[in-house]
Amino acid sequence: MNGASPLSRADGFGLGLIATGAVSVAVAALVAVVRGALEVFGADVAVRMPVDGGAAAPLAALDGVDSAAYSQAEVTFEALSAGARWMLLLEGALPALATVGVCAVAWRLGVSLIRGRPFRKTMSTTIGIAACLVAAGGLFSQIFGAIARAMIVDRLAASDDGVYDSFAAFSLDLDLAPLGWGFALALVAMAFTWGTRLQRETEGLV
């Protein structure tokens, strides 16, 4: 016996629902990766490109709007290099894989709670891997996306230098939020390591 109090029917249903939802979200993320791959390696590829913004007159004319400008444009390219396509694929796939990692943690934790043993030896390792996926996936996806766009601009500039009037040679607006989430999950992993140790010591006293 592990001394854990049995779950109520409502708690068991809630945990089962969370675990099932986590699996569903993970499957949806994997489907999104496949769909993204088909789009990126298709004939025409639509890419959101940072551009030298201009005034958005229709928006600026709205009541309560002082001024409006655009900084991105969705551009459809007839041909892209294989390298740019792979970079674009990684840009979308890495956050999706991070989502799969977090969902795996949620599913495993839900199942462990249902069984009354949340502090398993492998739980901290699973959360640690998810932390790495969230941090690395979030940061590197942005870097790969910026590299892909730089490759696209460089290829366009080979035939027309005037492309630099619209597109920057390299643009990266780094969002550090994934790194923060990764650190938070790493702390949770450490907490589970401590909890596993305490659970083992407690069971040894029973």
C-alpha atoms as a PDB file:
ATOM      1  CA  MET A   1       0.000   0.000   0.000  1.00  0.00           C
ATOM      2  CA  ASN A   2       1.205   3.486  -0.712  1.00  0.00           C
ATOM      3  CA  GLY A   3      -1.117   5.244   1.725  1.00  0.00           C
ATOM      4  CA  ALA A   4      -2.730   7.383  -0.963  1.00  0.00           C
ATOM      5  CA  SER A   5      -6.391   8.170  -0.453  1.00  0.00           C
ATOM      6  CA  PRO A   6      -8.623   6.837  -3.219  1.00  0.00           C
ATOM      7  CA  LEU A   7      -9.816   9.303  -5.824  1.00  0.00           C
ATOM      8  CA  SER A   8     -13.441  10.262  -5.954  1.00  0.00           C
ATOM      9  CA  ARG A   9     -15.366   9.439  -9.089  1.00  0.00           C
ATOM     10  CA  ALA A  10     -15.430  13.136 -10.046  1.00  0.00           C
ATOM     11  CA  ASP A  11     -11.665  13.497  -9.582  1.00  0.00           C
ATOM     12  CA  GLY A  12     -11.015  10.349 -11.597  1.00  0.00           C
ATOM     13  CA  PHE A  13     -13.281  11.581 -14.391  1.00  0.00           C
ATOM     14  CA  GLY A  14     -11.585  14.990 -14.405  1.00  0.00           C
ATOM     15  CA  LEU A  15      -8.092  13.512 -14.530  1.00  0.00           C
ATOM     16  CA  GLY A  16      -9.129  11.084 -17.262  1.00  0.00           C
ATOM     17  CA  LEU A  17     -10.604  13.955 -19.253  1.00  0.00           C
ATOM     18  CA  ILE A  18      -7.372  15.965 -18.902  1.00  0.00           C
ATOM     19  CA  ALA A  19      -5.241  12.996 -19.959  1.00  0.00           C
ATOM     20  CA  THR A  20      -7.492  12.319 -22.960  1.00  0.00           C
ATOM     21  CA  GLY A  21      -7.459  16.006 -23.903  1.00  0.00           C
ATOM     22  CA  ALA A  22      -3.655  16.049 -23.741  1.00  0.00           C
ATOM     23  CA  VAL A  23      -3.459  13.102 -26.151  1.00  0.00           C
ATOM     24  CA  SER A  24      -5.928  14.806 -28.506  1.00  0.00           C
ATOM     25  CA  VAL A  25      -3.910  18.040 -28.536  1.00  0.00           C
ATOM     26  CA  ALA A  26      -0.682  16.097 -29.164  1.00  0.00           C
ATOM     27  CA  VAL A  27      -2.255  14.296 -32.130  1.00  0.00           C
ATOM     28  CA  ALA A  28      -3.535  17.628 -33.495  1.00  0.00           C
ATOM     29  CA  ALA A  29      -0.017  19.081 -33.183  1.00  0.00           C
ATOM     30  CA  LEU A  30       1.459  16.166 -35.133  1.00  0.00           C
ATOM     31  CA  VAL A  31      -1.215  16.551 -37.812  1.00  0.00           C
ATOM     32  CA  ALA A  32      -0.296  20.246 -38.033  1.00  0.00           C
ATOM     33  CA  VAL A  33       3.356  19.285 -38.607  1.00  0.00           C
ATOM     34  CA  VAL A  34       2.373  16.967 -41.476  1.00  0.00           C
ATOM     35  CA  ARG A  35       0.078  19.585 -42.987  1.00  0.00           C
ATOM     36  CA  GLY A  36       2.799  22.226 -42.648  1.00  0.00           C
ATOM     37  CA  ALA A  37       5.274  19.941 -44.421  1.00  0.00           C
ATOM     38  CA  LEU A  38       2.852  19.440 -47.315  1.00  0.00           C
ATOM     39  CA  GLU A  39       2.361  23.204 -47.613  1.00  0.00           C
ATOM     40  CA  VAL A  40       6.057  24.069 -47.371  1.00  0.00           C
ATOM     41  CA  PHE A  41       7.070  21.500 -49.979  1.00  0.00           C
ATOM     42  CA  GLY A  42       4.174  22.336 -52.272  1.00  0.00           C
ATOM     43  CA  ALA A  43       4.406  24.194 -55.576  1.00  0.00           C
ATOM     44  CA  ASP A  44       3.476  27.650 -54.225  1.00  0.00           C
ATOM     45  CA  VAL A  45       4.474  28.612 -50.697  1.00  0.00           C
ATOM     46  CA  ALA A  46       2.897  31.484 -48.762  1.00  0.00           C
ATOM     47  CA  VAL A  47       5.363  33.077 -46.338  1.00  0.00           C
ATOM     48  CA  ARG A  48       4.825  35.956 -43.934  1.00  0.00           C
ATOM     49  CA  MET A  49       7.673  38.331 -44.685  1.00  0.00           C
ATOM     50  CA  PRO A  50       8.752  41.352 -42.625  1.00  0.00           C
ATOM     51  CA  VAL A  51       8.638  44.419 -44.853  1.00  0.00           C
ATOM     52  CA  ASP A  52       9.531  48.076 -44.636  1.00  0.00           C
ATOM     53  CA  GLY A  53       6.140  49.224 -43.457  1.00  0.00           C
ATOM     54  CA  GLY A  54       3.940  51.843 -44.962  1.00  0.00           C
ATOM     55  CA  ALA A  55       0.778  53.607 -43.911  1.00  0.00           C
ATOM     56  CA  ALA A  56      -2.376  51.491 -43.787  1.00  0.00           C
ATOM     57  CA  ALA A  57      -4.765  54.178 -44.971  1.00  0.00           C
ATOM     58  CA  PRO A  58      -8.062  52.247 -44.514  1.00  0.00           C
ATOM     59  CA  LEU A  59      -7.220  51.538 -40.871  1.00  0.00           C
ATOM     60  CA  ALA A  60      -5.931  55.023 -40.185  1.00  0.00           C
ATOM     61  CA  ALA A  61      -9.260  56.397 -41.363  1.00  0.00           C
ATOM     62  CA  LEU A  62     -11.234  54.498 -38.715  1.00  0.00           C
ATOM     63  CA  ASP A  63     -12.768  56.353 -35.790  1.00  0.00           C
ATOM     64  CA  GLY A  64     -10.500  56.351 -32.732  1.00  0.00           C
ATOM     65  CA  VAL A  65      -7.371  55.311 -34.694  1.00  0.00           C
ATOM     66  CA  ASP A  66      -4.579  57.871 -34.664  1.00  0.00           C
ATOM     67  CA  SER A  67      -2.312  56.105 -37.158  1.00  0.00           C
ATOM     68  CA  ALA A  68      -1.770  52.649 -38.671  1.00  0.00           C
ATOM     69  CA  ALA A  69       1.089  50.988 -40.519  1.00  0.00           C
ATOM     70  CA  TYR A  70       1.912  47.476 -41.735  1.00  0.00           C
ATOM     71  CA  SER A  71       5.152  45.630 -41.008  1.00  0.00           C
ATOM     72  CA  GLN A  72       4.398  42.203 -42.542  1.00  0.00           C
ATOM     73  CA  ALA A  73       3.069  40.893 -45.814  1.00  0.00           C
ATOM     74  CA  GLU A  74       2.016  37.401 -46.848  1.00  0.00           C
ATOM     75  CA  VAL A  75       3.969  36.677 -50.019  1.00  0.00           C
ATOM     76  CA  THR A  76       3.362  33.618 -52.195  1.00  0.00           C
ATOM     77  CA  PHE A  77       6.521  32.327 -53.852  1.00  0.00           C
ATOM     78  CA  GLU A  78       6.482  30.178 -56.961  1.00  0.00           C
ATOM     79  CA  ALA A  79       9.856  28.606 -56.174  1.00  0.00           C
ATOM     80  CA  LEU A  80      11.988  28.298 -53.045  1.00  0.00           C
ATOM     81  CA  SER A  81      15.303  26.595 -52.387  1.00  0.00           C
ATOM     82  CA  ALA A  82      15.294  23.289 -50.506  1.00  0.00           C
ATOM     83  CA  GLY A  83      17.221  24.911 -47.656  1.00  0.00           C
ATOM     84  CA  ALA A  84      14.627  27.656 -47.192  1.00  0.00           C
ATOM     85  CA  ARG A  85      11.823  25.092 -47.266  1.00  0.00           C
ATOM     86  CA  TRP A  86      13.478  23.012 -44.541  1.00  0.00           C
ATOM     87  CA  MET A  87      14.032  26.089 -42.389  1.00  0.00           C
ATOM     88  CA  LEU A  88      10.366  27.041 -42.763  1.00  0.00           C
ATOM     89  CA  LEU A  89       9.342  23.495 -41.872  1.00  0.00           C
ATOM     90  CA  LEU A  90      11.452  23.587 -38.698  1.00  0.00           C
ATOM     91  CA  GLU A  91       9.985  26.968 -37.812  1.00  0.00           C
ATOM     92  CA  GLY A  92       6.538  25.421 -37.586  1.00  0.00           C
ATOM     93  CA  ALA A  93       7.486  21.914 -36.481  1.00  0.00           C
ATOM     94  CA  LEU A  94       9.622  22.726 -33.416  1.00  0.00           C
ATOM     95  CA  PRO A  95       6.855  24.525 -31.446  1.00  0.00           C
ATOM     96  CA  ALA A  96       4.487  21.698 -32.376  1.00  0.00           C
ATOM     97  CA  LEU A  97       6.941  19.120 -31.021  1.00  0.00           C
ATOM     98  CA  ALA A  98       7.243  21.181 -27.839  1.00  0.00           C
ATOM     99  CA  THR A  99       3.451  21.029 -27.550  1.00  0.00           C
ATOM    100  CA  VAL A 100       3.619  17.245 -27.916  1.00  0.00           C
ATOM    101  CA  GLY A 101       6.190  17.133 -25.090  1.00  0.00           C
ATOM    102  CA  VAL A 102       4.029  19.193 -22.743  1.00  0.00           C
ATOM    103  CA  CYS A 103       0.987  17.057 -23.602  1.00  0.00           C
ATOM    104  CA  ALA A 104       3.004  13.926 -22.846  1.00  0.00           C
ATOM    105  CA  VAL A 105       3.791  15.348 -19.406  1.00  0.00           C
ATOM    106  CA  ALA A 106       0.123  16.188 -18.801  1.00  0.00           C
ATOM    107  CA  TRP A 107      -0.983  12.700 -19.895  1.00  0.00           C
ATOM    108  CA  ARG A 108       1.623  10.905 -17.787  1.00  0.00           C
ATOM    109  CA  LEU A 109       0.913  13.045 -14.733  1.00  0.00           C
ATOM    110  CA  GLY A 110      -2.824  12.503 -15.107  1.00  0.00           C
ATOM    111  CA  VAL A 111      -2.377   8.728 -15.308  1.00  0.00           C
ATOM    112  CA  SER A 112      -0.003   8.773 -12.323  1.00  0.00           C
ATOM    113  CA  LEU A 113      -2.503  10.758 -10.251  1.00  0.00           C
ATOM    114  CA  ILE A 114      -5.263   8.316 -11.150  1.00  0.00           C
ATOM    115  CA  ARG A 115      -3.045   5.481  -9.914  1.00  0.00           C
ATOM    116  CA  GLY A 116      -2.221   7.447  -6.749  1.00  0.00           C
ATOM    117  CA  ARG A 117       1.521   7.694  -7.457  1.00  0.00           C
ATOM    118  CA  PRO A 118       2.323  11.095  -8.974  1.00  0.00           C
ATOM    119  CA  PHE A 119       5.980  11.074  -7.893  1.00  0.00           C
ATOM    120  CA  ARG A 120       7.466   8.450 -10.188  1.00  0.00           C
ATOM    121  CA  LYS A 121      11.180   8.230 -10.975  1.00  0.00           C
ATOM    122  CA  THR A 122      10.633   8.923 -14.658  1.00  0.00           C
ATOM    123  CA  MET A 123       8.308  11.881 -14.085  1.00  0.00           C
ATOM    124  CA  SER A 124      11.073  14.424 -13.444  1.00  0.00           C
ATOM    125  CA  THR A 125      12.962  13.162 -16.512  1.00  0.00           C
ATOM    126  CA  THR A 126       9.848  13.510 -18.672  1.00  0.00           C
ATOM    127  CA  ILE A 127       9.236  17.047 -17.449  1.00  0.00           C
ATOM    128  CA  GLY A 128      12.912  17.917 -17.964  1.00  0.00           C
ATOM    129  CA  ILE A 129      12.764  16.738 -21.577  1.00  0.00           C
ATOM    130  CA  ALA A 130       9.589  18.783 -22.097  1.00  0.00           C
ATOM    131  CA  ALA A 131      11.359  21.834 -20.613  1.00  0.00           C
ATOM    132  CA  CYS A 132      14.199  21.445 -23.122  1.00  0.00           C
ATOM    133  CA  LEU A 133      11.722  21.030 -25.996  1.00  0.00           C
ATOM    134  CA  VAL A 134       9.783  24.147 -24.996  1.00  0.00           C
ATOM    135  CA  ALA A 135      12.882  26.337 -24.558  1.00  0.00           C
ATOM    136  CA  ALA A 136      14.884  25.065 -27.522  1.00  0.00           C
ATOM    137  CA  GLY A 137      11.869  24.609 -29.799  1.00  0.00           C
ATOM    138  CA  GLY A 138      10.536  28.099 -29.136  1.00  0.00           C
ATOM    139  CA  LEU A 139      13.877  29.846 -29.600  1.00  0.00           C
ATOM    140  CA  PHE A 140      15.280  27.830 -32.505  1.00  0.00           C
ATOM    141  CA  SER A 141      12.000  27.986 -34.429  1.00  0.00           C
ATOM    142  CA  GLN A 142      12.337  31.780 -34.489  1.00  0.00           C
ATOM    143  CA  ILE A 143      15.981  31.565 -35.549  1.00  0.00           C
ATOM    144  CA  PHE A 144      15.248  29.044 -38.305  1.00  0.00           C
ATOM    145  CA  GLY A 145      12.360  31.213 -39.528  1.00  0.00           C
ATOM    146  CA  ALA A 146      14.638  34.264 -39.716  1.00  0.00           C
ATOM    147  CA  ILE A 147      17.283  32.230 -41.580  1.00  0.00           C
ATOM    148  CA  ALA A 148      14.662  30.977 -44.061  1.00  0.00           C
ATOM    149  CA  ARG A 149      13.521  34.521 -44.826  1.00  0.00           C
ATOM    150  CA  ALA A 150      17.113  35.697 -45.172  1.00  0.00           C
ATOM    151  CA  MET A 151      17.737  32.891 -47.682  1.00  0.00           C
ATOM    152  CA  ILE A 152      14.626  33.909 -49.624  1.00  0.00           C
ATOM    153  CA  VAL A 153      15.675  37.571 -49.717  1.00  0.00           C
ATOM    154  CA  ASP A 154      19.218  36.630 -50.735  1.00  0.00           C
ATOM    155  CA  ARG A 155      17.910  34.565 -53.637  1.00  0.00           C
ATOM    156  CA  LEU A 156      15.618  37.373 -54.786  1.00  0.00           C
ATOM    157  CA  ALA A 157      18.445  39.894 -54.494  1.00  0.00           C
ATOM    158  CA  ALA A 158      20.565  37.796 -56.847  1.00  0.00           C
ATOM    159  CA  SER A 159      18.360  38.966 -59.718  1.00  0.00           C
ATOM    160  CA  ASP A 160      17.238  42.340 -58.339  1.00  0.00           C
ATOM    161  CA  ASP A 161      19.066  44.385 -55.693  1.00  0.00           C
ATOM    162  CA  GLY A 162      15.974  46.521 -55.292  1.00  0.00           C
ATOM    163  CA  VAL A 163      14.435  43.763 -53.153  1.00  0.00           C
ATOM    164  CA  TYR A 164      16.251  45.283 -50.158  1.00  0.00           C
ATOM    165  CA  ASP A 165      13.959  48.304 -50.460  1.00  0.00           C
ATOM    166  CA  SER A 166      11.084  46.071 -49.358  1.00  0.00           C
ATOM    167  CA  PHE A 167      12.674  43.174 -47.453  1.00  0.00           C
ATOM    168  CA  ALA A 168      15.378  43.311 -44.786  1.00  0.00           C
ATOM    169  CA  ALA A 169      18.460  41.160 -45.437  1.00  0.00           C
ATOM    170  CA  PHE A 170      17.975  39.556 -42.012  1.00  0.00           C
ATOM    171  CA  SER A 171      15.276  40.209 -39.430  1.00  0.00           C
ATOM    172  CA  LEU A 172      14.844  38.535 -36.051  1.00  0.00           C
ATOM    173  CA  ASP A 173      12.493  39.829 -33.375  1.00  0.00           C
ATOM    174  CA  LEU A 174      13.383  37.311 -30.666  1.00  0.00           C
ATOM    175  CA  ASP A 175      10.666  36.358 -28.179  1.00  0.00           C
ATOM    176  CA  LEU A 176      12.210  34.984 -24.960  1.00  0.00           C
ATOM    177  CA  ALA A 177       8.906  33.674 -23.542  1.00  0.00           C
ATOM    178  CA  PRO A 178       9.717  30.024 -24.490  1.00  0.00           C
ATOM    179  CA  LEU A 179      12.921  30.279 -22.463  1.00  0.00           C
ATOM    180  CA  GLY A 180      10.926  31.434 -19.432  1.00  0.00           C
ATOM    181  CA  TRP A 181       8.458  28.572 -19.822  1.00  0.00           C
ATOM    182  CA  GLY A 182      11.370  26.164 -20.150  1.00  0.00           C
ATOM    183  CA  PHE A 183      12.887  27.401 -16.888  1.00  0.00           C
ATOM    184  CA  ALA A 184       9.491  27.082 -15.177  1.00  0.00           C
ATOM    185  CA  LEU A 185       9.134  23.471 -16.324  1.00  0.00           C
ATOM    186  CA  ALA A 186      12.714  22.761 -15.218  1.00  0.00           C
ATOM    187  CA  LEU A 187      11.791  23.955 -11.716  1.00  0.00           C
ATOM    188  CA  VAL A 188       8.742  21.671 -11.768  1.00  0.00           C
ATOM    189  CA  ALA A 189      11.041  18.792 -12.759  1.00  0.00           C
ATOM    190  CA  MET A 190      13.288  19.556  -9.777  1.00  0.00           C
ATOM    191  CA  ALA A 191      10.238  19.681  -7.496  1.00  0.00           C
ATOM    192  CA  PHE A 192       9.193  16.229  -8.723  1.00  0.00           C
ATOM    193  CA  THR A 193      12.700  14.905  -8.069  1.00  0.00           C
ATOM    194  CA  TRP A 194      12.429  16.133  -4.497  1.00  0.00           C
ATOM    195  CA  GLY A 195       8.895  14.754  -4.166  1.00  0.00           C
ATOM    196  CA  THR A 196      10.019  11.340  -5.434  1.00  0.00           C
ATOM    197  CA  ARG A 197      12.778  11.268  -2.829  1.00  0.00           C
ATOM    198  CA  LEU A 198      10.366  12.233  -0.037  1.00  0.00           C
ATOM    199  CA  GLN A 199       7.831   9.630  -1.214  1.00  0.00           C
ATOM    200  CA  ARG A 200      10.513   6.918  -1.160  1.00  0.00           C
ATOM    201  CA  GLU A 201      11.626   7.934   2.344  1.00  0.00           C
ATOM    202  CA  THR A 202       8.010   8.026   3.585  1.00  0.00           C
ATOM    203  CA  GLU A 203       7.269   4.584   2.160  1.00  0.00           C
ATOM    204  CA  GLY A 204      10.364   3.273   3.902  1.00  0.00           C
ATOM    205  CA  LEU A 205       8.947   4.388   7.239  1.00  0.00           C
ATOM    206  CA  VAL A 206       5.617   2.623   6.747  1.00  0.00           C
END
